[in-house]
PDB file of all heavy atoms in Angstrom:
ATOM      1  N   PRO A   1      -7.658  19.561 -54.492  1.00  0.00           N
ATOM      2  CA  PRO A   1      -6.907  18.398 -54.040  1.00  0.00           C
ATOM      3  C   PRO A   1      -7.689  17.101 -54.347  1.00  0.00           C
ATOM      4  O   PRO A   1      -8.915  17.049 -54.309  1.00  0.00           O
ATOM      5  CB  PRO A   1      -6.754  18.578 -52.590  1.00  0.00           C
ATOM      6  CG  PRO A   1      -7.320  19.877 -52.197  1.00  0.00           C
ATOM      7  CD  PRO A   1      -7.988  20.434 -53.360  1.00  0.00           C
ATOM      8  N   ARG A   2      -6.919  16.055 -54.653  1.00  0.00           N
ATOM      9  CA  ARG A   2      -7.553  14.687 -54.851  1.00  0.00           C
ATOM     10  C   ARG A   2      -7.075  13.768 -53.723  1.00  0.00           C
ATOM     11  O   ARG A   2      -5.865  13.663 -53.509  1.00  0.00           O
ATOM     12  CB  ARG A   2      -7.127  14.196 -56.186  1.00  0.00           C
ATOM     13  CG  ARG A   2      -7.680  15.039 -57.331  1.00  0.00           C
ATOM     14  CD  ARG A   2      -7.337  14.448 -58.680  1.00  0.00           C
ATOM     15  NE  ARG A   2      -7.945  13.138 -58.793  1.00  0.00           N
ATOM     16  CZ  ARG A   2      -7.807  12.325 -59.786  1.00  0.00           C
ATOM     17  NH1 ARG A   2      -6.976  12.692 -60.764  1.00  0.00           N
ATOM     18  NH2 ARG A   2      -8.391  11.176 -59.824  1.00  0.00           N
ATOM     19  N   PRO A   3      -8.024  13.182 -53.021  1.00  0.00           N
ATOM     20  CA  PRO A   3      -7.651  12.317 -51.889  1.00  0.00           C
ATOM     21  C   PRO A   3      -6.938  11.050 -52.318  1.00  0.00           C
ATOM     22  O   PRO A   3      -7.230  10.477 -53.424  1.00  0.00           O
ATOM     23  CB  PRO A   3      -8.976  11.988 -51.263  1.00  0.00           C
ATOM     24  CG  PRO A   3      -9.956  12.105 -52.368  1.00  0.00           C
ATOM     25  CD  PRO A   3      -9.469  13.174 -53.320  1.00  0.00           C
ATOM     26  N   GLN A   4      -6.006  10.623 -51.508  1.00  0.00           N
ATOM     27  CA  GLN A   4      -5.327   9.312 -51.696  1.00  0.00           C
ATOM     28  C   GLN A   4      -5.524   8.465 -50.446  1.00  0.00           C
ATOM     29  O   GLN A   4      -6.034   7.378 -50.503  1.00  0.00           O
ATOM     30  CB  GLN A   4      -3.827   9.516 -52.017  1.00  0.00           C
ATOM     31  CG  GLN A   4      -3.653  10.140 -53.360  1.00  0.00           C
ATOM     32  CD  GLN A   4      -2.142  10.336 -53.692  1.00  0.00           C
ATOM     33  OE1 GLN A   4      -1.351  10.215 -52.793  1.00  0.00           O
ATOM     34  NE2 GLN A   4      -1.890  10.639 -54.905  1.00  0.00           N
ATOM     35  N   LEU A   5      -5.130   8.989 -49.284  1.00  0.00           N
ATOM     36  CA  LEU A   5      -5.287   8.246 -48.054  1.00  0.00           C
ATOM     37  C   LEU A   5      -6.485   8.699 -47.270  1.00  0.00           C
ATOM     38  O   LEU A   5      -6.854   8.096 -46.290  1.00  0.00           O
ATOM     39  CB  LEU A   5      -4.000   8.324 -47.179  1.00  0.00           C
ATOM     40  CG  LEU A   5      -2.824   7.630 -47.726  1.00  0.00           C
ATOM     41  CD1 LEU A   5      -1.533   7.923 -46.859  1.00  0.00           C
ATOM     42  CD2 LEU A   5      -3.081   6.117 -47.863  1.00  0.00           C
ATOM     43  N   ALA A   6      -7.120   9.764 -47.711  1.00  0.00           N
ATOM     44  CA  ALA A   6      -8.345  10.223 -47.079  1.00  0.00           C
ATOM     45  C   ALA A   6      -9.483  10.012 -48.045  1.00  0.00           C
ATOM     46  O   ALA A   6      -9.309  10.123 -49.280  1.00  0.00           O
ATOM     47  CB  ALA A   6      -8.256  11.702 -46.768  1.00  0.00           C
ATOM     48  N   THR A   7     -10.675   9.680 -47.565  1.00  0.00           N
ATOM     49  CA  THR A   7     -11.827   9.522 -48.413  1.00  0.00           C
ATOM     50  C   THR A   7     -12.692  10.800 -48.389  1.00  0.00           C
ATOM     51  O   THR A   7     -13.495  11.025 -49.310  1.00  0.00           O
ATOM     52  CB  THR A   7     -12.709   8.349 -47.993  1.00  0.00           C
ATOM     53  OG1 THR A   7     -13.119   8.491 -46.634  1.00  0.00           O
ATOM     54  CG2 THR A   7     -11.921   7.035 -48.173  1.00  0.00           C
ATOM     55  N   ALA A   8     -12.509  11.627 -47.406  1.00  0.00           N
ATOM     56  CA  ALA A   8     -13.274  12.896 -47.266  1.00  0.00           C
ATOM     57  C   ALA A   8     -12.612  13.785 -46.261  1.00  0.00           C
ATOM     58  O   ALA A   8     -11.794  13.333 -45.409  1.00  0.00           O
ATOM     59  CB  ALA A   8     -14.704  12.582 -46.798  1.00  0.00           C
ATOM     60  N   TRP A   9     -12.907  15.068 -46.281  1.00  0.00           N
ATOM     61  CA  TRP A   9     -12.425  16.007 -45.273  1.00  0.00           C
ATOM     62  C   TRP A   9     -13.412  17.139 -45.178  1.00  0.00           C
ATOM     63  O   TRP A   9     -14.223  17.390 -46.122  1.00  0.00           O
ATOM     64  CB  TRP A   9     -11.054  16.518 -45.592  1.00  0.00           C
ATOM     65  CG  TRP A   9     -10.908  17.235 -46.874  1.00  0.00           C
ATOM     66  CD1 TRP A   9     -11.182  18.541 -47.159  1.00  0.00           C
ATOM     67  CD2 TRP A   9     -10.482  16.632 -48.149  1.00  0.00           C
ATOM     68  NE1 TRP A   9     -10.956  18.814 -48.499  1.00  0.00           N
ATOM     69  CE2 TRP A   9     -10.540  17.667 -49.062  1.00  0.00           C
ATOM     70  CE3 TRP A   9     -10.085  15.398 -48.485  1.00  0.00           C
ATOM     71  CZ2 TRP A   9     -10.179  17.468 -50.422  1.00  0.00           C
ATOM     72  CZ3 TRP A   9      -9.722  15.189 -49.834  1.00  0.00           C
ATOM     73  CH2 TRP A   9      -9.798  16.239 -50.761  1.00  0.00           C
ATOM     74  N   SER A  10     -13.397  17.811 -44.033  1.00  0.00           N
ATOM     75  CA  SER A  10     -14.252  19.002 -43.832  1.00  0.00           C
ATOM     76  C   SER A  10     -13.497  20.010 -42.979  1.00  0.00           C
ATOM     77  O   SER A  10     -12.622  19.640 -42.186  1.00  0.00           O
ATOM     78  CB  SER A  10     -15.577  18.589 -43.175  1.00  0.00           C
ATOM     79  OG  SER A  10     -15.350  18.027 -41.871  1.00  0.00           O
ATOM     80  N   VAL A  11     -13.861  21.241 -43.159  1.00  0.00           N
ATOM     81  CA  VAL A  11     -13.228  22.313 -42.411  1.00  0.00           C
ATOM     82  C   VAL A  11     -14.288  23.009 -41.594  1.00  0.00           C
ATOM     83  O   VAL A  11     -15.438  23.235 -42.095  1.00  0.00           O
ATOM     84  CB  VAL A  11     -12.575  23.325 -43.384  1.00  0.00           C
ATOM     85  CG1 VAL A  11     -11.922  24.489 -42.630  1.00  0.00           C
ATOM     86  CG2 VAL A  11     -11.617  22.672 -44.280  1.00  0.00           C
ATOM     87  N   SER A  12     -14.033  23.295 -40.320  1.00  0.00           N
ATOM     88  CA  SER A  12     -14.998  23.931 -39.470  1.00  0.00           C
ATOM     89  C   SER A  12     -15.279  25.326 -40.009  1.00  0.00           C
ATOM     90  O   SER A  12     -14.490  25.923 -40.765  1.00  0.00           O
ATOM     91  CB  SER A  12     -14.450  23.980 -38.026  1.00  0.00           C
ATOM     92  OG  SER A  12     -13.325  24.797 -37.973  1.00  0.00           O
ATOM     93  N   ALA A  13     -16.359  25.887 -39.518  1.00  0.00           N
ATOM     94  CA  ALA A  13     -16.790  27.242 -39.954  1.00  0.00           C
ATOM     95  C   ALA A  13     -15.683  28.294 -39.658  1.00  0.00           C
ATOM     96  O   ALA A  13     -15.493  29.201 -40.472  1.00  0.00           O
ATOM     97  CB  ALA A  13     -18.082  27.620 -39.315  1.00  0.00           C
ATOM     98  N   ASP A  14     -15.026  28.148 -38.546  1.00  0.00           N
ATOM     99  CA  ASP A  14     -13.987  29.124 -38.214  1.00  0.00           C
ATOM    100  C   ASP A  14     -12.586  28.828 -38.806  1.00  0.00           C
ATOM    101  O   ASP A  14     -11.623  29.589 -38.644  1.00  0.00           O
ATOM    102  CB  ASP A  14     -13.831  29.289 -36.669  1.00  0.00           C
ATOM    103  CG  ASP A  14     -13.335  28.030 -36.004  1.00  0.00           C
ATOM    104  OD1 ASP A  14     -13.019  27.007 -36.679  1.00  0.00           O
ATOM    105  OD2 ASP A  14     -13.163  28.113 -34.753  1.00  0.00           O
ATOM    106  N   GLY A  15     -12.493  27.649 -39.529  1.00  0.00           N
ATOM    107  CA  GLY A  15     -11.286  27.351 -40.217  1.00  0.00           C
ATOM    108  C   GLY A  15     -10.170  26.749 -39.335  1.00  0.00           C
ATOM    109  O   GLY A  15      -9.086  26.536 -39.751  1.00  0.00           O
ATOM    110  N   LYS A  16     -10.488  26.511 -38.050  1.00  0.00           N
ATOM    111  CA  LYS A  16      -9.520  26.052 -37.107  1.00  0.00           C
ATOM    112  C   LYS A  16      -9.486  24.552 -36.837  1.00  0.00           C
ATOM    113  O   LYS A  16      -8.737  24.068 -35.998  1.00  0.00           O
ATOM    114  CB  LYS A  16      -9.678  26.829 -35.792  1.00  0.00           C
ATOM    115  CG  LYS A  16      -9.295  28.295 -35.920  1.00  0.00           C
ATOM    116  CD  LYS A  16      -9.394  29.003 -34.589  1.00  0.00           C
ATOM    117  CE  LYS A  16      -9.024  30.378 -34.634  1.00  0.00           C
ATOM    118  NZ  LYS A  16      -9.046  31.034 -33.328  1.00  0.00           N
ATOM    119  N   ARG A  17     -10.307  23.813 -37.550  1.00  0.00           N
ATOM    120  CA  ARG A  17     -10.312  22.368 -37.425  1.00  0.00           C
ATOM    121  C   ARG A  17     -10.542  21.772 -38.815  1.00  0.00           C
ATOM    122  O   ARG A  17     -11.483  22.090 -39.489  1.00  0.00           O
ATOM    123  CB  ARG A  17     -11.452  21.921 -36.478  1.00  0.00           C
ATOM    124  CG  ARG A  17     -11.218  22.346 -35.050  1.00  0.00           C
ATOM    125  CD  ARG A  17     -12.456  21.988 -34.159  1.00  0.00           C
ATOM    126  NE  ARG A  17     -12.665  20.560 -33.982  1.00  0.00           N
ATOM    127  CZ  ARG A  17     -12.120  19.812 -33.013  1.00  0.00           C
ATOM    128  NH1 ARG A  17     -11.266  20.361 -32.183  1.00  0.00           N
ATOM    129  NH2 ARG A  17     -12.415  18.564 -32.978  1.00  0.00           N
ATOM    130  N   ILE A  18      -9.596  20.856 -39.152  1.00  0.00           N
ATOM    131  CA  ILE A  18      -9.783  20.159 -40.407  1.00  0.00           C
ATOM    132  C   ILE A  18      -9.857  18.663 -40.067  1.00  0.00           C
ATOM    133  O   ILE A  18      -8.955  18.075 -39.486  1.00  0.00           O
ATOM    134  CB  ILE A  18      -8.582  20.329 -41.367  1.00  0.00           C
ATOM    135  CG1 ILE A  18      -8.390  21.849 -41.584  1.00  0.00           C
ATOM    136  CG2 ILE A  18      -8.840  19.642 -42.681  1.00  0.00           C
ATOM    137  CD1 ILE A  18      -7.062  22.182 -42.353  1.00  0.00           C
ATOM    138  N   SER A  19     -11.040  18.019 -40.412  1.00  0.00           N
ATOM    139  CA  SER A  19     -11.303  16.650 -40.112  1.00  0.00           C
ATOM    140  C   SER A  19     -11.129  15.795 -41.368  1.00  0.00           C
ATOM    141  O   SER A  19     -11.689  16.079 -42.387  1.00  0.00           O
ATOM    142  CB  SER A  19     -12.719  16.470 -39.540  1.00  0.00           C
ATOM    143  OG  SER A  19     -12.944  17.237 -38.376  1.00  0.00           O
ATOM    144  N   PHE A  20     -10.356  14.753 -41.275  1.00  0.00           N
ATOM    145  CA  PHE A  20     -10.096  13.825 -42.354  1.00  0.00           C
ATOM    146  C   PHE A  20     -10.657  12.497 -42.014  1.00  0.00           C
ATOM    147  O   PHE A  20     -10.430  11.917 -40.913  1.00  0.00           O
ATOM    148  CB  PHE A  20      -8.604  13.649 -42.596  1.00  0.00           C
ATOM    149  CG  PHE A  20      -7.895  14.890 -43.086  1.00  0.00           C
ATOM    150  CD1 PHE A  20      -7.374  15.804 -42.217  1.00  0.00           C
ATOM    151  CD2 PHE A  20      -7.862  15.215 -44.420  1.00  0.00           C
ATOM    152  CE1 PHE A  20      -6.730  16.924 -42.664  1.00  0.00           C
ATOM    153  CE2 PHE A  20      -7.265  16.319 -44.911  1.00  0.00           C
ATOM    154  CZ  PHE A  20      -6.694  17.219 -44.026  1.00  0.00           C
ATOM    155  N   THR A  21     -11.426  11.855 -42.918  1.00  0.00           N
ATOM    156  CA  THR A  21     -11.863  10.495 -42.823  1.00  0.00           C
ATOM    157  C   THR A  21     -10.845   9.709 -43.638  1.00  0.00           C
ATOM    158  O   THR A  21     -10.673   9.914 -44.877  1.00  0.00           O
ATOM    159  CB  THR A  21     -13.257  10.314 -43.399  1.00  0.00           C
ATOM    160  OG1 THR A  21     -14.112  11.171 -42.654  1.00  0.00           O
ATOM    161  CG2 THR A  21     -13.748   8.894 -43.285  1.00  0.00           C
ATOM    162  N   LEU A  22     -10.196   8.705 -43.027  1.00  0.00           N
ATOM    163  CA  LEU A  22      -9.133   7.998 -43.675  1.00  0.00           C
ATOM    164  C   LEU A  22      -9.608   6.724 -44.394  1.00  0.00           C
ATOM    165  O   LEU A  22     -10.623   6.090 -43.837  1.00  0.00           O
ATOM    166  CB  LEU A  22      -8.086   7.613 -42.607  1.00  0.00           C
ATOM    167  CG  LEU A  22      -7.467   8.735 -41.867  1.00  0.00           C
ATOM    168  CD1 LEU A  22      -6.412   8.289 -40.875  1.00  0.00           C
ATOM    169  CD2 LEU A  22      -6.822   9.790 -42.824  1.00  0.00           C
ATOM    170  N   ARG A  23      -9.015   6.396 -45.448  1.00  0.00           N
ATOM    171  CA  ARG A  23      -9.340   5.184 -46.210  1.00  0.00           C
ATOM    172  C   ARG A  23      -9.105   3.951 -45.346  1.00  0.00           C
ATOM    173  O   ARG A  23      -8.046   3.841 -44.663  1.00  0.00           O
ATOM    174  CB  ARG A  23      -8.476   5.142 -47.484  1.00  0.00           C
ATOM    175  CG  ARG A  23      -8.844   4.009 -48.429  1.00  0.00           C
ATOM    176  CD  ARG A  23      -8.043   4.104 -49.722  1.00  0.00           C
ATOM    177  NE  ARG A  23      -8.081   5.448 -50.292  1.00  0.00           N
ATOM    178  CZ  ARG A  23      -9.128   5.981 -51.016  1.00  0.00           C
ATOM    179  NH1 ARG A  23     -10.220   5.245 -51.196  1.00  0.00           N
ATOM    180  NH2 ARG A  23      -9.055   7.143 -51.552  1.00  0.00           N
ATOM    181  N   GLN A  24     -10.012   3.013 -45.292  1.00  0.00           N
ATOM    182  CA  GLN A  24      -9.891   1.806 -44.543  1.00  0.00           C
ATOM    183  C   GLN A  24      -9.261   0.717 -45.383  1.00  0.00           C
ATOM    184  O   GLN A  24      -9.254   0.779 -46.595  1.00  0.00           O
ATOM    185  CB  GLN A  24     -11.245   1.356 -44.043  1.00  0.00           C
ATOM    186  CG  GLN A  24     -11.859   2.373 -43.093  1.00  0.00           C
ATOM    187  CD  GLN A  24     -13.115   1.877 -42.425  1.00  0.00           C
ATOM    188  OE1 GLN A  24     -13.327   0.649 -42.228  1.00  0.00           O
ATOM    189  NE2 GLN A  24     -13.975   2.766 -42.021  1.00  0.00           N
ATOM    190  N   GLY A  25      -8.537  -0.168 -44.720  1.00  0.00           N
ATOM    191  CA  GLY A  25      -7.909  -1.303 -45.436  1.00  0.00           C
ATOM    192  C   GLY A  25      -6.532  -1.021 -45.947  1.00  0.00           C
ATOM    193  O   GLY A  25      -5.933  -1.868 -46.545  1.00  0.00           O
ATOM    194  N   VAL A  26      -5.962   0.154 -45.684  1.00  0.00           N
ATOM    195  CA  VAL A  26      -4.625   0.543 -46.143  1.00  0.00           C
ATOM    196  C   VAL A  26      -3.641  -0.111 -45.179  1.00  0.00           C
ATOM    197  O   VAL A  26      -3.797  -0.079 -43.976  1.00  0.00           O
ATOM    198  CB  VAL A  26      -4.471   2.077 -46.173  1.00  0.00           C
ATOM    199  CG1 VAL A  26      -2.976   2.463 -46.539  1.00  0.00           C
ATOM    200  CG2 VAL A  26      -5.391   2.667 -47.187  1.00  0.00           C
ATOM    201  N   LYS A  27      -2.596  -0.626 -45.728  1.00  0.00           N
ATOM    202  CA  LYS A  27      -1.552  -1.373 -44.935  1.00  0.00           C
ATOM    203  C   LYS A  27      -0.204  -0.678 -45.279  1.00  0.00           C
ATOM    204  O   LYS A  27       0.067  -0.291 -46.379  1.00  0.00           O
ATOM    205  CB  LYS A  27      -1.443  -2.807 -45.230  1.00  0.00           C
ATOM    206  CG  LYS A  27      -2.745  -3.542 -45.073  1.00  0.00           C
ATOM    207  CD  LYS A  27      -2.875  -4.114 -43.733  1.00  0.00           C
ATOM    208  CE  LYS A  27      -4.147  -4.957 -43.670  1.00  0.00           C
ATOM    209  NZ  LYS A  27      -4.539  -5.203 -42.352  1.00  0.00           N
ATOM    210  N   TRP A  28       0.676  -0.664 -44.228  1.00  0.00           N
ATOM    211  CA  TRP A  28       2.074  -0.254 -44.455  1.00  0.00           C
ATOM    212  C   TRP A  28       2.802  -1.398 -45.121  1.00  0.00           C
ATOM    213  O   TRP A  28       2.319  -2.530 -45.157  1.00  0.00           O
ATOM    214  CB  TRP A  28       2.714   0.072 -43.122  1.00  0.00           C
ATOM    215  CG  TRP A  28       2.253   1.367 -42.472  1.00  0.00           C
ATOM    216  CD1 TRP A  28       1.283   1.482 -41.504  1.00  0.00           C
ATOM    217  CD2 TRP A  28       2.651   2.678 -42.791  1.00  0.00           C
ATOM    218  NE1 TRP A  28       1.162   2.836 -41.195  1.00  0.00           N
ATOM    219  CE2 TRP A  28       1.943   3.522 -42.004  1.00  0.00           C
ATOM    220  CE3 TRP A  28       3.546   3.187 -43.758  1.00  0.00           C
ATOM    221  CZ2 TRP A  28       2.144   4.941 -42.030  1.00  0.00           C
ATOM    222  CZ3 TRP A  28       3.714   4.540 -43.703  1.00  0.00           C
ATOM    223  CH2 TRP A  28       3.010   5.444 -42.916  1.00  0.00           C
ATOM    224  N   HIS A  29       4.052  -1.182 -45.522  1.00  0.00           N
ATOM    225  CA  HIS A  29       4.849  -2.169 -46.185  1.00  0.00           C
ATOM    226  C   HIS A  29       5.060  -3.452 -45.286  1.00  0.00           C
ATOM    227  O   HIS A  29       5.242  -4.540 -45.840  1.00  0.00           O
ATOM    228  CB  HIS A  29       6.207  -1.633 -46.616  1.00  0.00           C
ATOM    229  CG  HIS A  29       7.032  -1.278 -45.426  1.00  0.00           C
ATOM    230  ND1 HIS A  29       6.895  -0.156 -44.657  1.00  0.00           N
ATOM    231  CD2 HIS A  29       8.087  -1.967 -44.877  1.00  0.00           C
ATOM    232  CE1 HIS A  29       7.754  -0.130 -43.719  1.00  0.00           C
ATOM    233  NE2 HIS A  29       8.505  -1.177 -43.773  1.00  0.00           N
ATOM    234  N   ASP A  30       4.946  -3.291 -44.045  1.00  0.00           N
ATOM    235  CA  ASP A  30       5.121  -4.465 -43.149  1.00  0.00           C
ATOM    236  C   ASP A  30       3.803  -5.127 -42.765  1.00  0.00           C
ATOM    237  O   ASP A  30       3.818  -6.012 -41.927  1.00  0.00           O
ATOM    238  CB  ASP A  30       5.875  -4.062 -41.858  1.00  0.00           C
ATOM    239  CG  ASP A  30       5.080  -2.988 -41.010  1.00  0.00           C
ATOM    240  OD1 ASP A  30       3.971  -2.604 -41.386  1.00  0.00           O
ATOM    241  OD2 ASP A  30       5.607  -2.587 -39.962  1.00  0.00           O
ATOM    242  N   GLY A  31       2.747  -4.728 -43.427  1.00  0.00           N
ATOM    243  CA  GLY A  31       1.436  -5.302 -43.169  1.00  0.00           C
ATOM    244  C   GLY A  31       0.586  -4.735 -42.050  1.00  0.00           C
ATOM    245  O   GLY A  31      -0.577  -5.132 -41.858  1.00  0.00           O
ATOM    246  N   GLN A  32       1.149  -3.763 -41.286  1.00  0.00           N
ATOM    247  CA  GLN A  32       0.428  -3.102 -40.239  1.00  0.00           C
ATOM    248  C   GLN A  32      -0.560  -2.110 -40.808  1.00  0.00           C
ATOM    249  O   GLN A  32      -0.335  -1.503 -41.856  1.00  0.00           O
ATOM    250  CB  GLN A  32       1.417  -2.412 -39.322  1.00  0.00           C
ATOM    251  CG  GLN A  32       2.332  -3.302 -38.553  1.00  0.00           C
ATOM    252  CD  GLN A  32       1.576  -4.203 -37.643  1.00  0.00           C
ATOM    253  OE1 GLN A  32       0.673  -3.810 -36.928  1.00  0.00           O
ATOM    254  NE2 GLN A  32       1.893  -5.533 -37.729  1.00  0.00           N
ATOM    255  N   PRO A  33      -1.712  -1.958 -40.195  1.00  0.00           N
ATOM    256  CA  PRO A  33      -2.723  -1.018 -40.701  1.00  0.00           C
ATOM    257  C   PRO A  33      -2.331   0.432 -40.599  1.00  0.00           C
ATOM    258  O   PRO A  33      -1.650   0.839 -39.635  1.00  0.00           O
ATOM    259  CB  PRO A  33      -3.978  -1.322 -39.838  1.00  0.00           C
ATOM    260  CG  PRO A  33      -3.446  -1.888 -38.531  1.00  0.00           C
ATOM    261  CD  PRO A  33      -2.157  -2.612 -38.973  1.00  0.00           C
ATOM    262  N   PHE A  34      -2.710   1.213 -41.547  1.00  0.00           N
ATOM    263  CA  PHE A  34      -2.519   2.705 -41.529  1.00  0.00           C
ATOM    264  C   PHE A  34      -3.673   3.273 -40.741  1.00  0.00           C
ATOM    265  O   PHE A  34      -4.835   2.976 -40.986  1.00  0.00           O
ATOM    266  CB  PHE A  34      -2.545   3.203 -42.955  1.00  0.00           C
ATOM    267  CG  PHE A  34      -2.586   4.695 -43.113  1.00  0.00           C
ATOM    268  CD1 PHE A  34      -1.532   5.492 -42.728  1.00  0.00           C
ATOM    269  CD2 PHE A  34      -3.790   5.314 -43.471  1.00  0.00           C
ATOM    270  CE1 PHE A  34      -1.600   6.856 -42.823  1.00  0.00           C
ATOM    271  CE2 PHE A  34      -3.866   6.710 -43.585  1.00  0.00           C
ATOM    272  CZ  PHE A  34      -2.763   7.472 -43.242  1.00  0.00           C
ATOM    273  N   THR A  35      -3.391   4.072 -39.690  1.00  0.00           N
ATOM    274  CA  THR A  35      -4.380   4.588 -38.813  1.00  0.00           C
ATOM    275  C   THR A  35      -4.212   6.082 -38.569  1.00  0.00           C
ATOM    276  O   THR A  35      -3.215   6.673 -38.989  1.00  0.00           O
ATOM    277  CB  THR A  35      -4.347   3.897 -37.379  1.00  0.00           C
ATOM    278  OG1 THR A  35      -3.133   4.282 -36.775  1.00  0.00           O
ATOM    279  CG2 THR A  35      -4.462   2.460 -37.520  1.00  0.00           C
ATOM    280  N   ALA A  36      -5.218   6.700 -37.987  1.00  0.00           N
ATOM    281  CA  ALA A  36      -5.166   8.089 -37.576  1.00  0.00           C
ATOM    282  C   ALA A  36      -3.944   8.414 -36.660  1.00  0.00           C
ATOM    283  O   ALA A  36      -3.390   9.483 -36.741  1.00  0.00           O
ATOM    284  CB  ALA A  36      -6.471   8.507 -36.913  1.00  0.00           C
ATOM    285  N   GLN A  37      -3.569   7.441 -35.819  1.00  0.00           N
ATOM    286  CA  GLN A  37      -2.479   7.643 -34.959  1.00  0.00           C
ATOM    287  C   GLN A  37      -1.158   7.807 -35.803  1.00  0.00           C
ATOM    288  O   GLN A  37      -0.280   8.574 -35.367  1.00  0.00           O
ATOM    289  CB  GLN A  37      -2.291   6.432 -33.967  1.00  0.00           C
ATOM    290  CG  GLN A  37      -3.401   6.473 -32.893  1.00  0.00           C
ATOM    291  CD  GLN A  37      -4.752   5.909 -33.432  1.00  0.00           C
ATOM    292  OE1 GLN A  37      -4.759   5.259 -34.442  1.00  0.00           O
ATOM    293  NE2 GLN A  37      -5.755   6.169 -32.678  1.00  0.00           N
ATOM    294  N   ASP A  38      -1.076   7.167 -36.921  1.00  0.00           N
ATOM    295  CA  ASP A  38       0.078   7.350 -37.786  1.00  0.00           C
ATOM    296  C   ASP A  38       0.100   8.752 -38.381  1.00  0.00           C
ATOM    297  O   ASP A  38       1.149   9.344 -38.515  1.00  0.00           O
ATOM    298  CB  ASP A  38       0.041   6.309 -39.003  1.00  0.00           C
ATOM    299  CG  ASP A  38       0.149   4.895 -38.483  1.00  0.00           C
ATOM    300  OD1 ASP A  38       1.037   4.644 -37.639  1.00  0.00           O
ATOM    301  OD2 ASP A  38      -0.615   4.031 -38.987  1.00  0.00           O
ATOM    302  N   VAL A  39      -1.042   9.259 -38.705  1.00  0.00           N
ATOM    303  CA  VAL A  39      -1.215  10.694 -39.241  1.00  0.00           C
ATOM    304  C   VAL A  39      -0.689  11.637 -38.194  1.00  0.00           C
ATOM    305  O   VAL A  39       0.120  12.498 -38.411  1.00  0.00           O
ATOM    306  CB  VAL A  39      -2.619  10.951 -39.672  1.00  0.00           C
ATOM    307  CG1 VAL A  39      -2.796  12.433 -40.016  1.00  0.00           C
ATOM    308  CG2 VAL A  39      -3.037  10.040 -40.822  1.00  0.00           C
ATOM    309  N   ALA A  40      -1.239  11.464 -36.953  1.00  0.00           N
ATOM    310  CA  ALA A  40      -0.819  12.422 -35.845  1.00  0.00           C
ATOM    311  C   ALA A  40       0.652  12.297 -35.635  1.00  0.00           C
ATOM    312  O   ALA A  40       1.327  13.381 -35.506  1.00  0.00           O
ATOM    313  CB  ALA A  40      -1.602  11.984 -34.584  1.00  0.00           C
TER     314      ALA A  40
END
């Protein structure tokens, strides 16, 4: 996979947690920031 909105990711040893580091400075069409809460 090639990241677009994430800059990095990691998977826990047991495979039950995937952590994504999101790109900073990304804005929605209305100018609001793209955040982890949007992902959730």
